Amino acid sequence: MRSPISNTITEIFLQNLDNIHLIQLLDTETTVVYKRYVDDILIIYNTKHTNPEKIHNHINKIHPNLQFTLTHEHKYTIRFLDLLIIVNPAK
């Protein structure tokens, strides 16, 4: 059975991951937006400074037991949790 404290331990671990490892992405010009809800992460990045593969490789090297999956936008939309995010492309 699942322990009642497992959600709390998971959140502590993920906040530590955010504060120590992912802050490197946030401190550069590569990341425009970083949002996390439990274990779902949304990163909006500057295409002039990076690409999704570089970000994906960076976060997958953080911990050997964690492997993140990458979801690309499709036709200027991406699903995050129960939201459909629509990008307004620059004209």
PDB file of N, CA and C in Angstrom:
ATOM      1  N   MET A   1       0.836  -1.187   0.000  1.00  0.00           N
ATOM      2  CA  MET A   1       0.000   0.000   0.000  1.00  0.00           C
ATOM      3  C   MET A   1       0.879   1.247   0.000  1.00  0.00           C
ATOM      4  N   ARG A   2       0.320   2.271  -0.506  1.00  0.00           N
ATOM      5  CA  ARG A   2       1.027   3.536  -0.599  1.00  0.00           C
ATOM      6  C   ARG A   2       1.005   4.261   0.743  1.00  0.00           C
ATOM      7  N   SER A   3       2.153   4.803   1.105  1.00  0.00           N
ATOM      8  CA  SER A   3       2.268   5.498   2.371  1.00  0.00           C
ATOM      9  C   SER A   3       1.572   6.856   2.294  1.00  0.00           C
ATOM     10  N   PRO A   4       0.913   7.288   3.378  1.00  0.00           N
ATOM     11  CA  PRO A   4       0.259   8.597   3.379  1.00  0.00           C
ATOM     12  C   PRO A   4       1.247   9.761   3.247  1.00  0.00           C
ATOM     13  N   ILE A   5       2.502   9.523   3.539  1.00  0.00           N
ATOM     14  CA  ILE A   5       3.497  10.596   3.465  1.00  0.00           C
ATOM     15  C   ILE A   5       4.198  10.648   2.101  1.00  0.00           C
ATOM     16  N   SER A   6       3.914   9.729   1.207  1.00  0.00           N
ATOM     17  CA  SER A   6       4.625   9.657  -0.070  1.00  0.00           C
ATOM     18  C   SER A   6       4.444  10.918  -0.919  1.00  0.00           C
ATOM     19  N   ASN A   7       3.265  11.515  -0.916  1.00  0.00           N
ATOM     20  CA  ASN A   7       3.058  12.751  -1.681  1.00  0.00           C
ATOM     21  C   ASN A   7       3.936  13.887  -1.154  1.00  0.00           C
ATOM     22  N   THR A   8       4.059  13.975   0.143  1.00  0.00           N
ATOM     23  CA  THR A   8       4.884  15.014   0.752  1.00  0.00           C
ATOM     24  C   THR A   8       6.356  14.809   0.423  1.00  0.00           C
ATOM     25  N   ILE A   9       6.812  13.585   0.502  1.00  0.00           N
ATOM     26  CA  ILE A   9       8.210  13.279   0.187  1.00  0.00           C
ATOM     27  C   ILE A   9       8.498  13.567  -1.288  1.00  0.00           C
ATOM     28  N   THR A  10       7.573  13.212  -2.141  1.00  0.00           N
ATOM     29  CA  THR A  10       7.728  13.488  -3.566  1.00  0.00           C
ATOM     30  C   THR A  10       7.821  14.984  -3.825  1.00  0.00           C
ATOM     31  N   GLU A  11       6.966  15.759  -3.199  1.00  0.00           N
ATOM     32  CA  GLU A  11       6.988  17.215  -3.383  1.00  0.00           C
ATOM     33  C   GLU A  11       8.299  17.814  -2.877  1.00  0.00           C
ATOM     34  N   ILE A  12       8.798  17.339  -1.753  1.00  0.00           N
ATOM     35  CA  ILE A  12      10.084  17.816  -1.228  1.00  0.00           C
ATOM     36  C   ILE A  12      11.201  17.498  -2.224  1.00  0.00           C
ATOM     37  N   PHE A  13      11.200  16.303  -2.757  1.00  0.00           N
ATOM     38  CA  PHE A  13      12.217  15.910  -3.734  1.00  0.00           C
ATOM     39  C   PHE A  13      12.144  16.785  -4.987  1.00  0.00           C
ATOM     40  N   LEU A  14      10.944  17.011  -5.496  1.00  0.00           N
ATOM     41  CA  LEU A  14      10.789  17.804  -6.717  1.00  0.00           C
ATOM     42  C   LEU A  14      11.123  19.286  -6.489  1.00  0.00           C
ATOM     43  N   GLN A  15      10.819  19.807  -5.322  1.00  0.00           N
ATOM     44  CA  GLN A  15      11.217  21.188  -5.033  1.00  0.00           C
ATOM     45  C   GLN A  15      12.731  21.304  -4.957  1.00  0.00           C
ATOM     46  N   ASN A  16      13.361  20.303  -4.394  1.00  0.00           N
ATOM     47  CA  ASN A  16      14.817  20.272  -4.362  1.00  0.00           C
ATOM     48  C   ASN A  16      15.378  20.211  -5.787  1.00  0.00           C
ATOM     49  N   LEU A  17      14.787  19.410  -6.612  1.00  0.00           N
ATOM     50  CA  LEU A  17      15.176  19.312  -8.016  1.00  0.00           C
ATOM     51  C   LEU A  17      15.031  20.673  -8.709  1.00  0.00           C
ATOM     52  N   ASP A  18      13.909  21.338  -8.469  1.00  0.00           N
ATOM     53  CA  ASP A  18      13.687  22.681  -9.025  1.00  0.00           C
ATOM     54  C   ASP A  18      14.760  23.655  -8.546  1.00  0.00           C
ATOM     55  N   ASN A  19      14.966  23.703  -7.247  1.00  0.00           N
ATOM     56  CA  ASN A  19      15.825  24.721  -6.645  1.00  0.00           C
ATOM     57  C   ASN A  19      17.313  24.520  -6.893  1.00  0.00           C
ATOM     58  N   ILE A  20      17.740  23.306  -7.082  1.00  0.00           N
ATOM     59  CA  ILE A  20      19.171  23.052  -7.251  1.00  0.00           C
ATOM     60  C   ILE A  20      19.544  22.852  -8.718  1.00  0.00           C
ATOM     61  N   HIS A  21      18.778  22.056  -9.425  1.00  0.00           N
ATOM     62  CA  HIS A  21      19.190  21.672 -10.773  1.00  0.00           C
ATOM     63  C   HIS A  21      18.508  22.475 -11.880  1.00  0.00           C
ATOM     64  N   LEU A  22      17.230  22.687 -11.762  1.00  0.00           N
ATOM     65  CA  LEU A  22      16.523  23.360 -12.845  1.00  0.00           C
ATOM     66  C   LEU A  22      16.660  24.875 -12.789  1.00  0.00           C
ATOM     67  N   ILE A  23      17.133  25.384 -11.681  1.00  0.00           N
ATOM     68  CA  ILE A  23      17.354  26.830 -11.570  1.00  0.00           C
ATOM     69  C   ILE A  23      18.386  27.288 -12.594  1.00  0.00           C
ATOM     70  N   GLN A  24      19.282  26.400 -12.998  1.00  0.00           N
ATOM     71  CA  GLN A  24      20.268  26.729 -14.028  1.00  0.00           C
ATOM     72  C   GLN A  24      19.576  27.121 -15.329  1.00  0.00           C
ATOM     73  N   LEU A  25      18.517  26.417 -15.669  1.00  0.00           N
ATOM     74  CA  LEU A  25      17.754  26.766 -16.870  1.00  0.00           C
ATOM     75  C   LEU A  25      17.037  28.099 -16.702  1.00  0.00           C
ATOM     76  N   LEU A  26      16.540  28.347 -15.509  1.00  0.00           N
ATOM     77  CA  LEU A  26      15.775  29.559 -15.269  1.00  0.00           C
ATOM     78  C   LEU A  26      16.657  30.796 -15.227  1.00  0.00           C
ATOM     79  N   ASP A  27      17.909  30.632 -14.865  1.00  0.00           N
ATOM     80  CA  ASP A  27      18.822  31.767 -14.755  1.00  0.00           C
ATOM     81  C   ASP A  27      19.416  32.192 -16.095  1.00  0.00           C
ATOM     82  N   THR A  28      19.167  31.432 -17.124  1.00  0.00           N
ATOM     83  CA  THR A  28      19.689  31.791 -18.443  1.00  0.00           C
ATOM     84  C   THR A  28      18.578  32.403 -19.275  1.00  0.00           C
ATOM     85  N   GLU A  29      18.937  32.808 -20.465  1.00  0.00           N
ATOM     86  CA  GLU A  29      17.943  33.377 -21.373  1.00  0.00           C
ATOM     87  C   GLU A  29      17.175  32.284 -22.125  1.00  0.00           C
ATOM     88  N   THR A  30      17.482  31.023 -21.853  1.00  0.00           N
ATOM     89  CA  THR A  30      16.841  29.944 -22.599  1.00  0.00           C
ATOM     90  C   THR A  30      15.393  29.721 -22.191  1.00  0.00           C
ATOM     91  N   THR A  31      15.083  29.894 -20.917  1.00  0.00           N
ATOM     92  CA  THR A  31      13.749  29.575 -20.416  1.00  0.00           C
ATOM     93  C   THR A  31      12.936  30.839 -20.206  1.00  0.00           C
ATOM     94  N   VAL A  32      11.765  30.870 -20.828  1.00  0.00           N
ATOM     95  CA  VAL A  32      10.859  32.006 -20.692  1.00  0.00           C
ATOM     96  C   VAL A  32       9.878  31.745 -19.551  1.00  0.00           C
ATOM     97  N   VAL A  33       9.333  30.523 -19.505  1.00  0.00           N
ATOM     98  CA  VAL A  33       8.358  30.145 -18.474  1.00  0.00           C
ATOM     99  C   VAL A  33       8.686  28.736 -17.990  1.00  0.00           C
ATOM    100  N   TYR A  34       8.638  28.551 -16.678  1.00  0.00           N
ATOM    101  CA  TYR A  34       8.782  27.223 -16.073  1.00  0.00           C
ATOM    102  C   TYR A  34       7.653  27.065 -15.069  1.00  0.00           C
ATOM    103  N   LYS A  35       6.795  26.092 -15.285  1.00  0.00           N
ATOM    104  CA  LYS A  35       5.690  25.810 -14.365  1.00  0.00           C
ATOM    105  C   LYS A  35       5.663  24.320 -14.080  1.00  0.00           C
ATOM    106  N   ARG A  36       5.397  23.999 -12.837  1.00  0.00           N
ATOM    107  CA  ARG A  36       5.285  22.584 -12.456  1.00  0.00           C
ATOM    108  C   ARG A  36       4.056  22.401 -11.590  1.00  0.00           C
ATOM    109  N   TYR A  37       3.314  21.361 -11.888  1.00  0.00           N
ATOM    110  CA  TYR A  37       2.201  20.945 -11.039  1.00  0.00           C
ATOM    111  C   TYR A  37       2.431  19.472 -10.743  1.00  0.00           C
ATOM    112  N   VAL A  38       2.740  19.172  -9.515  1.00  0.00           N
ATOM    113  CA  VAL A  38       3.120  17.834  -9.058  1.00  0.00           C
ATOM    114  C   VAL A  38       4.299  17.364  -9.908  1.00  0.00           C
ATOM    115  N   ASP A  39       4.104  16.402 -10.813  1.00  0.00           N
ATOM    116  CA  ASP A  39       5.230  15.921 -11.615  1.00  0.00           C
ATOM    117  C   ASP A  39       5.098  16.283 -13.093  1.00  0.00           C
ATOM    118  N   ASP A  40       4.209  17.192 -13.411  1.00  0.00           N
ATOM    119  CA  ASP A  40       4.054  17.679 -14.781  1.00  0.00           C
ATOM    120  C   ASP A  40       4.739  19.034 -14.892  1.00  0.00           C
ATOM    121  N   ILE A  41       5.613  19.151 -15.866  1.00  0.00           N
ATOM    122  CA  ILE A  41       6.402  20.371 -16.028  1.00  0.00           C
ATOM    123  C   ILE A  41       6.135  20.965 -17.405  1.00  0.00           C
ATOM    124  N   LEU A  42       5.937  22.268 -17.417  1.00  0.00           N
ATOM    125  CA  LEU A  42       5.791  23.011 -18.665  1.00  0.00           C
ATOM    126  C   LEU A  42       6.956  23.990 -18.756  1.00  0.00           C
ATOM    127  N   ILE A  43       7.711  23.896 -19.846  1.00  0.00           N
ATOM    128  CA  ILE A  43       8.815  24.818 -20.085  1.00  0.00           C
ATOM    129  C   ILE A  43       8.582  25.491 -21.426  1.00  0.00           C
ATOM    130  N   ILE A  44       8.527  26.810 -21.401  1.00  0.00           N
ATOM    131  CA  ILE A  44       8.476  27.592 -22.631  1.00  0.00           C
ATOM    132  C   ILE A  44       9.847  28.219 -22.768  1.00  0.00           C
ATOM    133  N   TYR A  45      10.472  28.014 -23.894  1.00  0.00           N
ATOM    134  CA  TYR A  45      11.863  28.400 -24.063  1.00  0.00           C
ATOM    135  C   TYR A  45      12.045  29.333 -25.248  1.00  0.00           C
ATOM    136  N   ASN A  46      13.171  30.022 -25.248  1.00  0.00           N
ATOM    137  CA  ASN A  46      13.539  30.941 -26.307  1.00  0.00           C
ATOM    138  C   ASN A  46      14.240  30.145 -27.401  1.00  0.00           C
ATOM    139  N   THR A  47      13.641  30.063 -28.572  1.00  0.00           N
ATOM    140  CA  THR A  47      14.204  29.252 -29.657  1.00  0.00           C
ATOM    141  C   THR A  47      15.503  29.828 -30.216  1.00  0.00           C
ATOM    142  N   LYS A  48      15.806  31.081 -29.892  1.00  0.00           N
ATOM    143  CA  LYS A  48      17.061  31.670 -30.356  1.00  0.00           C
ATOM    144  C   LYS A  48      18.250  31.185 -29.527  1.00  0.00           C
ATOM    145  N   HIS A  49      17.980  30.657 -28.323  1.00  0.00           N
ATOM    146  CA  HIS A  49      19.060  30.276 -27.420  1.00  0.00           C
ATOM    147  C   HIS A  49      19.157  28.773 -27.160  1.00  0.00           C
ATOM    148  N   THR A  50      18.127  28.027 -27.483  1.00  0.00           N
ATOM    149  CA  THR A  50      18.166  26.586 -27.204  1.00  0.00           C
ATOM    150  C   THR A  50      17.140  25.868 -28.066  1.00  0.00           C
ATOM    151  N   ASN A  51      17.076  24.558 -27.876  1.00  0.00           N
ATOM    152  CA  ASN A  51      16.061  23.752 -28.550  1.00  0.00           C
ATOM    153  C   ASN A  51      15.562  22.696 -27.564  1.00  0.00           C
ATOM    154  N   PRO A  52      14.460  22.053 -27.873  1.00  0.00           N
ATOM    155  CA  PRO A  52      13.882  21.112 -26.898  1.00  0.00           C
ATOM    156  C   PRO A  52      14.797  19.937 -26.565  1.00  0.00           C
ATOM    157  N   GLU A  53      15.584  19.493 -27.501  1.00  0.00           N
ATOM    158  CA  GLU A  53      16.471  18.360 -27.246  1.00  0.00           C
ATOM    159  C   GLU A  53      17.550  18.716 -26.218  1.00  0.00           C
ATOM    160  N   LYS A  54      18.083  19.933 -26.280  1.00  0.00           N
ATOM    161  CA  LYS A  54      19.094  20.357 -25.302  1.00  0.00           C
ATOM    162  C   LYS A  54      18.497  20.406 -23.898  1.00  0.00           C
ATOM    163  N   ILE A  55      17.303  20.961 -23.778  1.00  0.00           N
ATOM    164  CA  ILE A  55      16.634  21.023 -22.474  1.00  0.00           C
ATOM    165  C   ILE A  55      16.336  19.618 -21.974  1.00  0.00           C
ATOM    166  N   HIS A  56      15.818  18.780 -22.846  1.00  0.00           N
ATOM    167  CA  HIS A  56      15.467  17.404 -22.486  1.00  0.00           C
ATOM    168  C   HIS A  56      16.710  16.636 -22.023  1.00  0.00           C
ATOM    169  N   ASN A  57      17.793  16.762 -22.753  1.00  0.00           N
ATOM    170  CA  ASN A  57      19.047  16.094 -22.351  1.00  0.00           C
ATOM    171  C   ASN A  57      19.538  16.609 -21.003  1.00  0.00           C
ATOM    172  N   HIS A  58      19.434  17.911 -20.791  1.00  0.00           N
ATOM    173  CA  HIS A  58      19.882  18.501 -19.519  1.00  0.00           C
ATOM    174  C   HIS A  58      19.087  17.944 -18.334  1.00  0.00           C
ATOM    175  N   ILE A  59      17.785  17.946 -18.425  1.00  0.00           N
ATOM    176  CA  ILE A  59      16.996  17.501 -17.269  1.00  0.00           C
ATOM    177  C   ILE A  59      17.043  15.988 -17.079  1.00  0.00           C
ATOM    178  N   ASN A  60      17.299  15.231 -18.141  1.00  0.00           N
ATOM    179  CA  ASN A  60      17.404  13.780 -17.976  1.00  0.00           C
ATOM    180  C   ASN A  60      18.728  13.349 -17.363  1.00  0.00           C
ATOM    181  N   LYS A  61      19.694  14.238 -17.281  1.00  0.00           N
ATOM    182  CA  LYS A  61      20.987  13.919 -16.649  1.00  0.00           C
ATOM    183  C   LYS A  61      20.997  14.235 -15.156  1.00  0.00           C
ATOM    184  N   ILE A  62      19.936  14.822 -14.655  1.00  0.00           N
ATOM    185  CA  ILE A  62      19.904  15.273 -13.261  1.00  0.00           C
ATOM    186  C   ILE A  62      19.940  14.124 -12.268  1.00  0.00           C
ATOM    187  N   HIS A  63      19.141  13.112 -12.507  1.00  0.00           N
ATOM    188  CA  HIS A  63      19.060  11.985 -11.564  1.00  0.00           C
ATOM    189  C   HIS A  63      18.933  10.695 -12.360  1.00  0.00           C
ATOM    190  N   PRO A  64      19.688   9.661 -12.016  1.00  0.00           N
ATOM    191  CA  PRO A  64      19.672   8.428 -12.819  1.00  0.00           C
ATOM    192  C   PRO A  64      18.328   7.692 -12.820  1.00  0.00           C
ATOM    193  N   ASN A  65      17.517   7.914 -11.806  1.00  0.00           N
ATOM    194  CA  ASN A  65      16.231   7.217 -11.730  1.00  0.00           C
ATOM    195  C   ASN A  65      15.066   8.024 -12.301  1.00  0.00           C
ATOM    196  N   LEU A  66      15.346   9.196 -12.817  1.00  0.00           N
ATOM    197  CA  LEU A  66      14.299  10.027 -13.412  1.00  0.00           C
ATOM    198  C   LEU A  66      14.524  10.149 -14.906  1.00  0.00           C
ATOM    199  N   GLN A  67      13.484   9.907 -15.655  1.00  0.00           N
ATOM    200  CA  GLN A  67      13.524  10.118 -17.091  1.00  0.00           C
ATOM    201  C   GLN A  67      12.290  10.900 -17.482  1.00  0.00           C
ATOM    202  N   PHE A  68      12.513  12.065 -18.031  1.00  0.00           N
ATOM    203  CA  PHE A  68      11.421  12.936 -18.445  1.00  0.00           C
ATOM    204  C   PHE A  68      11.051  12.637 -19.887  1.00  0.00           C
ATOM    205  N   THR A  69       9.798  12.824 -20.206  1.00  0.00           N
ATOM    206  CA  THR A  69       9.352  12.659 -21.584  1.00  0.00           C
ATOM    207  C   THR A  69       9.106  14.038 -22.181  1.00  0.00           C
ATOM    208  N   LEU A  70       9.275  14.116 -23.467  1.00  0.00           N
ATOM    209  CA  LEU A  70       9.170  15.381 -24.175  1.00  0.00           C
ATOM    210  C   LEU A  70       7.913  15.378 -25.036  1.00  0.00           C
ATOM    211  N   THR A  71       7.139  16.435 -24.925  1.00  0.00           N
ATOM    212  CA  THR A  71       5.961  16.610 -25.770  1.00  0.00           C
ATOM    213  C   THR A  71       6.123  17.919 -26.524  1.00  0.00           C
ATOM    214  N   HIS A  72       6.064  17.837 -27.832  1.00  0.00           N
ATOM    215  CA  HIS A  72       6.220  19.024 -28.670  1.00  0.00           C
ATOM    216  C   HIS A  72       4.869  19.667 -28.936  1.00  0.00           C
ATOM    217  N   GLU A  73       4.899  20.952 -29.234  1.00  0.00           N
ATOM    218  CA  GLU A  73       3.678  21.615 -29.673  1.00  0.00           C
ATOM    219  C   GLU A  73       3.352  21.119 -31.081  1.00  0.00           C
ATOM    220  N   HIS A  74       2.086  21.128 -31.399  1.00  0.00           N
ATOM    221  CA  HIS A  74       1.626  20.695 -32.714  1.00  0.00           C
ATOM    222  C   HIS A  74       0.626  21.721 -33.223  1.00  0.00           C
ATOM    223  N   LYS A  75       0.934  22.317 -34.339  1.00  0.00           N
ATOM    224  CA  LYS A  75       0.074  23.353 -34.923  1.00  0.00           C
ATOM    225  C   LYS A  75      -0.221  24.451 -33.901  1.00  0.00           C
ATOM    226  N   TYR A  76       0.837  24.904 -33.230  1.00  0.00           N
ATOM    227  CA  TYR A  76       0.780  26.000 -32.257  1.00  0.00           C
ATOM    228  C   TYR A  76      -0.075  25.683 -31.030  1.00  0.00           C
ATOM    229  N   THR A  77      -0.256  24.417 -30.713  1.00  0.00           N
ATOM    230  CA  THR A  77      -0.984  24.039 -29.506  1.00  0.00           C
ATOM    231  C   THR A  77      -0.205  22.954 -28.756  1.00  0.00           C
ATOM    232  N   ILE A  78      -0.417  22.931 -27.454  1.00  0.00           N
ATOM    233  CA  ILE A  78       0.146  21.868 -26.628  1.00  0.00           C
ATOM    234  C   ILE A  78      -0.792  21.636 -25.452  1.00  0.00           C
ATOM    235  N   ARG A  79      -0.909  20.408 -25.054  1.00  0.00           N
ATOM    236  CA  ARG A  79      -1.739  20.058 -23.901  1.00  0.00           C
ATOM    237  C   ARG A  79      -0.864  19.995 -22.652  1.00  0.00           C
ATOM    238  N   PHE A  80      -1.341  20.634 -21.596  1.00  0.00           N
ATOM    239  CA  PHE A  80      -0.666  20.591 -20.298  1.00  0.00           C
ATOM    240  C   PHE A  80      -1.745  20.436 -19.247  1.00  0.00           C
ATOM    241  N   LEU A  81      -1.736  19.297 -18.566  1.00  0.00           N
ATOM    242  CA  LEU A  81      -2.781  18.931 -17.618  1.00  0.00           C
ATOM    243  C   LEU A  81      -4.106  18.931 -18.367  1.00  0.00           C
ATOM    244  N   ASP A  82      -5.097  19.650 -17.898  1.00  0.00           N
ATOM    245  CA  ASP A  82      -6.389  19.688 -18.586  1.00  0.00           C
ATOM    246  C   ASP A  82      -6.551  20.925 -19.454  1.00  0.00           C
ATOM    247  N   LEU A  83      -5.436  21.554 -19.774  1.00  0.00           N
ATOM    248  CA  LEU A  83      -5.476  22.789 -20.556  1.00  0.00           C
ATOM    249  C   LEU A  83      -5.003  22.540 -21.977  1.00  0.00           C
ATOM    250  N   LEU A  84      -5.547  23.302 -22.886  1.00  0.00           N
ATOM    251  CA  LEU A  84      -5.029  23.350 -24.237  1.00  0.00           C
ATOM    252  C   LEU A  84      -4.430  24.738 -24.391  1.00  0.00           C
ATOM    253  N   ILE A  85      -3.113  24.797 -24.513  1.00  0.00           N
ATOM    254  CA  ILE A  85      -2.422  26.079 -24.643  1.00  0.00           C
ATOM    255  C   ILE A  85      -2.215  26.348 -26.126  1.00  0.00           C
ATOM    256  N   ILE A  86      -2.659  27.513 -26.548  1.00  0.00           N
ATOM    257  CA  ILE A  86      -2.553  27.906 -27.948  1.00  0.00           C
ATOM    258  C   ILE A  86      -1.556  29.048 -28.056  1.00  0.00           C
ATOM    259  N   VAL A  87      -0.552  28.861 -28.896  1.00  0.00           N
ATOM    260  CA  VAL A  87       0.478  29.867 -29.109  1.00  0.00           C
ATOM    261  C   VAL A  87       0.004  30.804 -30.200  1.00  0.00           C
ATOM    262  N   ASN A  88       0.149  32.085 -29.943  1.00  0.00           N
ATOM    263  CA  ASN A  88      -0.160  33.083 -30.955  1.00  0.00           C
ATOM    264  C   ASN A  88       1.135  33.370 -31.701  1.00  0.00           C
ATOM    265  N   PRO A  89       1.307  32.788 -32.890  1.00  0.00           N
ATOM    266  CA  PRO A  89       2.582  32.943 -33.597  1.00  0.00           C
ATOM    267  C   PRO A  89       2.828  34.385 -34.004  1.00  0.00           C
ATOM    268  N   ALA A  90       4.098  34.788 -33.927  1.00  0.00           N
ATOM    269  CA  ALA A  90       4.459  36.161 -34.318  1.00  0.00           C
ATOM    270  C   ALA A  90       4.231  36.323 -35.822  1.00  0.00           C
ATOM    271  N   LYS A  91       3.737  37.474 -36.177  1.00  0.00           N
ATOM    272  CA  LYS A  91       3.441  37.706 -37.597  1.00  0.00           C
ATOM    273  C   LYS A  91       4.538  38.492 -38.245  1.00  0.00           C
TER     274      LYS A  91
END
